[in-house]
Amino acid sequence: MKIRKTILLIIFVQCILSCNRPHITACFTVNKSTANVGDTITFTNCSDYKGWWSAVTYWYLGDTTIINNGENIQHVYSAAGQYLVEFKIGGEKQCYVAQTKRITIQ
């Protein structure tokens, strides 16, 4: 029982330490915050994730579209409205940070 508690504590501490370093900052730019239906919108990852040997990205484009592992992506919205775009980036220990921006499609 004591060994099991020790192992769980070690795993917990490793996860906390790995999530706190190195630092990841989520950042993305968009070429148009207002566009027309059918326009191509470009989203660019400008995140700082130096120190991670790999980073995983997720783009949630607000219209049920989800893209995994895209540095720079393009998307065409087929309906007018306001869309909340969320970009998540994280490292190998599932520690994610996110940034959101609102896009208006006319």
N, C-alpha and C. Protein backbone atom coordinates (compact mmCIF):
# COMPACT_ATOMS: atom_id res chain seq x y z
N MET A 1 0.82 -1.19 0.00
CA MET A 1 0.00 0.00 0.00
C MET A 1 0.87 1.26 0.00
N LYS A 2 1.94 1.24 0.79
CA LYS A 2 2.83 2.39 0.87
C LYS A 2 3.53 2.62 -0.47
N ILE A 3 3.92 1.55 -1.15
CA ILE A 3 4.58 1.66 -2.45
C ILE A 3 3.62 2.27 -3.47
N ARG A 4 2.37 1.85 -3.45
CA ARG A 4 1.38 2.37 -4.38
C ARG A 4 1.19 3.88 -4.19
N LYS A 5 1.11 4.33 -2.95
CA LYS A 5 0.97 5.76 -2.67
C LYS A 5 2.19 6.53 -3.15
N THR A 6 3.36 5.97 -2.97
CA THR A 6 4.60 6.62 -3.41
C THR A 6 4.62 6.74 -4.92
N ILE A 7 4.24 5.70 -5.62
CA ILE A 7 4.22 5.73 -7.09
C ILE A 7 3.22 6.77 -7.59
N LEU A 8 2.04 6.82 -6.99
CA LEU A 8 1.05 7.81 -7.39
C LEU A 8 1.55 9.22 -7.14
N LEU A 9 2.22 9.45 -6.03
CA LEU A 9 2.76 10.76 -5.72
C LEU A 9 3.83 11.15 -6.74
N ILE A 10 4.69 10.24 -7.11
CA ILE A 10 5.73 10.52 -8.09
C ILE A 10 5.11 10.89 -9.44
N ILE A 11 4.12 10.13 -9.87
CA ILE A 11 3.45 10.42 -11.15
C ILE A 11 2.79 11.79 -11.09
N PHE A 12 2.12 12.12 -9.99
CA PHE A 12 1.45 13.40 -9.83
C PHE A 12 2.45 14.55 -9.90
N VAL A 13 3.57 14.44 -9.20
CA VAL A 13 4.60 15.48 -9.19
C VAL A 13 5.21 15.63 -10.58
N GLN A 14 5.46 14.54 -11.28
CA GLN A 14 6.02 14.61 -12.63
C GLN A 14 5.09 15.35 -13.56
N CYS A 15 3.80 15.10 -13.46
CA CYS A 15 2.84 15.77 -14.32
C CYS A 15 2.80 17.26 -14.02
N ILE A 16 2.78 17.63 -12.75
CA ILE A 16 2.77 19.05 -12.39
C ILE A 16 4.02 19.74 -12.89
N LEU A 17 5.17 19.15 -12.68
CA LEU A 17 6.42 19.77 -13.13
C LEU A 17 6.47 19.88 -14.65
N SER A 18 6.03 18.87 -15.36
CA SER A 18 6.09 18.92 -16.82
C SER A 18 5.11 19.94 -17.38
N CYS A 19 3.99 20.17 -16.71
CA CYS A 19 3.02 21.16 -17.18
C CYS A 19 3.49 22.58 -16.91
N ASN A 20 4.38 22.76 -15.98
CA ASN A 20 4.84 24.10 -15.65
C ASN A 20 6.10 24.51 -16.39
N ARG A 21 6.71 23.62 -17.12
CA ARG A 21 7.90 23.99 -17.87
C ARG A 21 8.03 23.11 -19.08
N PRO A 22 8.60 23.51 -20.12
CA PRO A 22 8.80 24.91 -20.46
C PRO A 22 7.46 25.57 -20.79
N HIS A 23 7.46 26.85 -20.82
CA HIS A 23 6.24 27.62 -21.00
C HIS A 23 5.78 27.61 -22.46
N ILE A 24 4.49 27.46 -22.66
CA ILE A 24 3.89 27.56 -23.99
C ILE A 24 2.93 28.73 -23.97
N THR A 25 2.99 29.56 -25.01
CA THR A 25 2.05 30.67 -25.16
C THR A 25 1.25 30.44 -26.43
N ALA A 26 -0.07 30.39 -26.31
CA ALA A 26 -0.93 30.21 -27.48
C ALA A 26 -1.10 31.54 -28.19
N CYS A 27 -0.94 31.51 -29.50
CA CYS A 27 -1.09 32.73 -30.30
C CYS A 27 -1.49 32.33 -31.72
N PHE A 28 -2.47 33.03 -32.28
CA PHE A 28 -2.74 32.87 -33.70
C PHE A 28 -3.23 34.19 -34.27
N THR A 29 -2.98 34.36 -35.57
CA THR A 29 -3.47 35.53 -36.28
C THR A 29 -4.46 35.07 -37.34
N VAL A 30 -5.29 36.00 -37.76
CA VAL A 30 -6.27 35.71 -38.81
C VAL A 30 -6.20 36.86 -39.82
N ASN A 31 -6.24 36.53 -41.10
CA ASN A 31 -6.08 37.57 -42.11
C ASN A 31 -7.31 38.45 -42.28
N LYS A 32 -8.49 37.99 -41.85
CA LYS A 32 -9.72 38.78 -41.93
C LYS A 32 -10.58 38.47 -40.71
N SER A 33 -10.92 39.49 -39.94
CA SER A 33 -11.84 39.24 -38.83
C SER A 33 -13.29 39.43 -39.27
N THR A 34 -13.48 40.08 -40.43
CA THR A 34 -14.79 40.19 -41.06
C THR A 34 -14.63 39.78 -42.52
N ALA A 35 -15.49 38.89 -42.99
CA ALA A 35 -15.39 38.39 -44.36
C ALA A 35 -16.78 38.03 -44.87
N ASN A 36 -16.85 37.71 -46.14
CA ASN A 36 -18.10 37.30 -46.76
C ASN A 36 -18.19 35.78 -46.82
N VAL A 37 -19.41 35.27 -46.87
CA VAL A 37 -19.62 33.84 -47.06
C VAL A 37 -18.86 33.41 -48.32
N GLY A 38 -18.10 32.34 -48.21
CA GLY A 38 -17.34 31.84 -49.35
C GLY A 38 -15.91 32.35 -49.44
N ASP A 39 -15.56 33.39 -48.67
CA ASP A 39 -14.18 33.88 -48.65
C ASP A 39 -13.27 32.86 -47.96
N THR A 40 -12.03 32.81 -48.39
CA THR A 40 -11.04 31.96 -47.73
C THR A 40 -10.38 32.75 -46.61
N ILE A 41 -10.42 32.21 -45.41
CA ILE A 41 -9.82 32.84 -44.24
C ILE A 41 -8.57 32.04 -43.89
N THR A 42 -7.47 32.75 -43.61
CA THR A 42 -6.21 32.10 -43.25
C THR A 42 -5.92 32.33 -41.78
N PHE A 43 -5.68 31.26 -41.06
CA PHE A 43 -5.30 31.29 -39.65
C PHE A 43 -3.85 30.85 -39.54
N THR A 44 -3.05 31.62 -38.80
CA THR A 44 -1.61 31.34 -38.70
C THR A 44 -1.22 31.17 -37.23
N ASN A 45 -0.55 30.09 -36.94
CA ASN A 45 -0.04 29.81 -35.60
C ASN A 45 1.20 30.67 -35.35
N CYS A 46 1.16 31.54 -34.35
CA CYS A 46 2.32 32.35 -33.96
C CYS A 46 2.73 32.04 -32.52
N SER A 47 2.41 30.85 -32.05
CA SER A 47 2.68 30.44 -30.67
C SER A 47 4.16 30.31 -30.39
N ASP A 48 4.50 30.52 -29.12
CA ASP A 48 5.87 30.31 -28.65
C ASP A 48 5.87 29.01 -27.85
N TYR A 49 6.52 28.01 -28.40
CA TYR A 49 6.62 26.73 -27.69
C TYR A 49 8.05 26.21 -27.74
N LYS A 50 8.98 27.14 -27.60
CA LYS A 50 10.39 26.74 -27.57
C LYS A 50 10.65 25.85 -26.36
N GLY A 51 11.45 24.86 -26.55
CA GLY A 51 11.77 23.95 -25.46
C GLY A 51 10.99 22.66 -25.50
N TRP A 52 9.85 22.65 -26.20
CA TRP A 52 9.10 21.41 -26.37
C TRP A 52 9.63 20.72 -27.61
N TRP A 53 9.84 19.45 -27.52
CA TRP A 53 10.33 18.72 -28.69
C TRP A 53 9.23 18.53 -29.71
N SER A 54 7.99 18.62 -29.27
CA SER A 54 6.87 18.57 -30.20
C SER A 54 5.69 19.31 -29.58
N ALA A 55 4.83 19.80 -30.41
CA ALA A 55 3.63 20.46 -29.93
C ALA A 55 2.45 19.94 -30.74
N VAL A 56 1.31 19.82 -30.08
CA VAL A 56 0.08 19.36 -30.72
C VAL A 56 -0.86 20.56 -30.77
N THR A 57 -1.48 20.78 -31.93
CA THR A 57 -2.40 21.90 -32.07
C THR A 57 -3.79 21.41 -32.45
N TYR A 58 -4.79 22.17 -32.01
CA TYR A 58 -6.18 21.92 -32.35
C TYR A 58 -6.82 23.26 -32.71
N TRP A 59 -7.52 23.29 -33.82
CA TRP A 59 -8.28 24.46 -34.25
C TRP A 59 -9.76 24.11 -34.19
N TYR A 60 -10.53 24.87 -33.41
CA TYR A 60 -11.98 24.74 -33.34
C TYR A 60 -12.54 25.97 -34.03
N LEU A 61 -13.12 25.81 -35.22
CA LEU A 61 -13.44 26.95 -36.07
C LEU A 61 -14.84 27.50 -35.87
N GLY A 62 -15.59 26.99 -34.90
CA GLY A 62 -16.87 27.58 -34.53
C GLY A 62 -18.06 27.10 -35.34
N ASP A 63 -17.80 26.37 -36.41
CA ASP A 63 -18.90 25.85 -37.25
C ASP A 63 -18.89 24.33 -37.27
N THR A 64 -18.45 23.72 -36.21
CA THR A 64 -18.28 22.27 -36.00
C THR A 64 -17.04 21.71 -36.67
N THR A 65 -16.24 22.54 -37.34
CA THR A 65 -15.00 22.08 -37.95
C THR A 65 -13.90 22.06 -36.90
N ILE A 66 -13.19 20.92 -36.81
CA ILE A 66 -12.04 20.77 -35.92
C ILE A 66 -10.88 20.26 -36.76
N ILE A 67 -9.74 20.93 -36.65
CA ILE A 67 -8.55 20.52 -37.39
C ILE A 67 -7.45 20.23 -36.38
N ASN A 68 -6.86 19.06 -36.47
CA ASN A 68 -5.77 18.66 -35.58
C ASN A 68 -4.43 18.86 -36.28
N ASN A 69 -3.48 19.40 -35.54
CA ASN A 69 -2.09 19.51 -35.98
C ASN A 69 -1.89 20.31 -37.25
N GLY A 70 -2.50 21.46 -37.32
CA GLY A 70 -2.26 22.37 -38.45
C GLY A 70 -1.56 23.62 -37.97
N GLU A 71 -0.40 23.91 -38.51
CA GLU A 71 0.31 25.14 -38.15
C GLU A 71 -0.42 26.35 -38.73
N ASN A 72 -0.62 26.32 -40.03
CA ASN A 72 -1.30 27.40 -40.74
C ASN A 72 -2.40 26.75 -41.56
N ILE A 73 -3.62 27.23 -41.38
CA ILE A 73 -4.74 26.59 -42.05
C ILE A 73 -5.59 27.61 -42.78
N GLN A 74 -6.38 27.13 -43.70
CA GLN A 74 -7.36 27.97 -44.40
C GLN A 74 -8.73 27.34 -44.23
N HIS A 75 -9.75 28.21 -44.19
CA HIS A 75 -11.11 27.71 -44.01
C HIS A 75 -12.08 28.62 -44.73
N VAL A 76 -13.16 28.05 -45.25
CA VAL A 76 -14.23 28.79 -45.91
C VAL A 76 -15.51 28.54 -45.13
N TYR A 77 -16.14 29.62 -44.66
CA TYR A 77 -17.41 29.51 -43.94
C TYR A 77 -18.55 29.56 -44.95
N SER A 78 -19.53 28.70 -44.78
CA SER A 78 -20.62 28.59 -45.75
C SER A 78 -21.91 29.29 -45.30
N ALA A 79 -21.90 29.87 -44.10
CA ALA A 79 -23.09 30.56 -43.60
C ALA A 79 -22.68 31.83 -42.86
N ALA A 80 -23.53 32.84 -42.97
CA ALA A 80 -23.27 34.10 -42.26
C ALA A 80 -23.46 33.90 -40.76
N GLY A 81 -22.74 34.70 -39.99
CA GLY A 81 -22.86 34.64 -38.54
C GLY A 81 -21.56 35.01 -37.87
N GLN A 82 -21.59 34.97 -36.54
CA GLN A 82 -20.38 35.19 -35.77
C GLN A 82 -19.88 33.84 -35.27
N TYR A 83 -18.58 33.62 -35.42
CA TYR A 83 -17.97 32.35 -35.04
C TYR A 83 -16.85 32.61 -34.05
N LEU A 84 -16.83 31.83 -32.99
CA LEU A 84 -15.75 31.92 -32.01
C LEU A 84 -14.73 30.84 -32.36
N VAL A 85 -13.55 31.28 -32.76
CA VAL A 85 -12.47 30.38 -33.16
C VAL A 85 -11.57 30.17 -31.96
N GLU A 86 -11.29 28.91 -31.63
CA GLU A 86 -10.38 28.60 -30.53
C GLU A 86 -9.20 27.80 -31.06
N PHE A 87 -8.02 28.22 -30.65
CA PHE A 87 -6.78 27.52 -31.01
C PHE A 87 -6.14 27.02 -29.73
N LYS A 88 -5.86 25.71 -29.68
CA LYS A 88 -5.22 25.11 -28.50
C LYS A 88 -3.89 24.52 -28.92
N ILE A 89 -2.90 24.69 -28.04
CA ILE A 89 -1.58 24.10 -28.29
C ILE A 89 -1.08 23.51 -26.99
N GLY A 90 -0.41 22.38 -27.10
CA GLY A 90 0.12 21.72 -25.91
C GLY A 90 1.28 20.81 -26.25
N GLY A 91 1.89 20.31 -25.20
CA GLY A 91 3.04 19.44 -25.35
C GLY A 91 2.70 17.99 -25.10
N GLU A 92 3.75 17.23 -24.92
CA GLU A 92 3.58 15.78 -24.82
C GLU A 92 2.88 15.33 -23.54
N LYS A 93 2.71 16.19 -22.55
CA LYS A 93 2.06 15.81 -21.29
C LYS A 93 0.61 16.29 -21.21
N GLN A 94 0.01 16.62 -22.34
CA GLN A 94 -1.39 17.04 -22.39
C GLN A 94 -1.64 18.34 -21.63
N CYS A 95 -0.68 19.23 -21.60
CA CYS A 95 -0.84 20.53 -20.94
C CYS A 95 -1.13 21.56 -22.04
N TYR A 96 -2.37 22.00 -22.13
CA TYR A 96 -2.78 22.87 -23.23
C TYR A 96 -3.07 24.28 -22.76
N VAL A 97 -2.78 25.24 -23.65
CA VAL A 97 -3.19 26.63 -23.47
C VAL A 97 -3.97 27.01 -24.73
N ALA A 98 -4.79 28.04 -24.62
CA ALA A 98 -5.66 28.37 -25.75
C ALA A 98 -5.77 29.87 -25.95
N GLN A 99 -6.15 30.24 -27.16
CA GLN A 99 -6.49 31.62 -27.49
C GLN A 99 -7.76 31.57 -28.34
N THR A 100 -8.65 32.54 -28.15
CA THR A 100 -9.88 32.61 -28.94
C THR A 100 -10.00 33.96 -29.62
N LYS A 101 -10.65 33.97 -30.77
CA LYS A 101 -10.97 35.20 -31.50
C LYS A 101 -12.33 35.02 -32.15
N ARG A 102 -13.04 36.14 -32.30
CA ARG A 102 -14.36 36.11 -32.93
C ARG A 102 -14.22 36.53 -34.40
N ILE A 103 -14.86 35.77 -35.29
CA ILE A 103 -14.87 36.04 -36.72
C ILE A 103 -16.31 36.34 -37.13
N THR A 104 -16.50 37.38 -37.94
CA THR A 104 -17.83 37.72 -38.44
C THR A 104 -17.89 37.42 -39.93
N ILE A 105 -18.87 36.61 -40.32
CA ILE A 105 -19.08 36.27 -41.72
C ILE A 105 -20.41 36.89 -42.15
N GLN A 106 -20.35 37.66 -43.24
CA GLN A 106 -21.54 38.39 -43.73
C GLN A 106 -22.17 37.68 -44.91
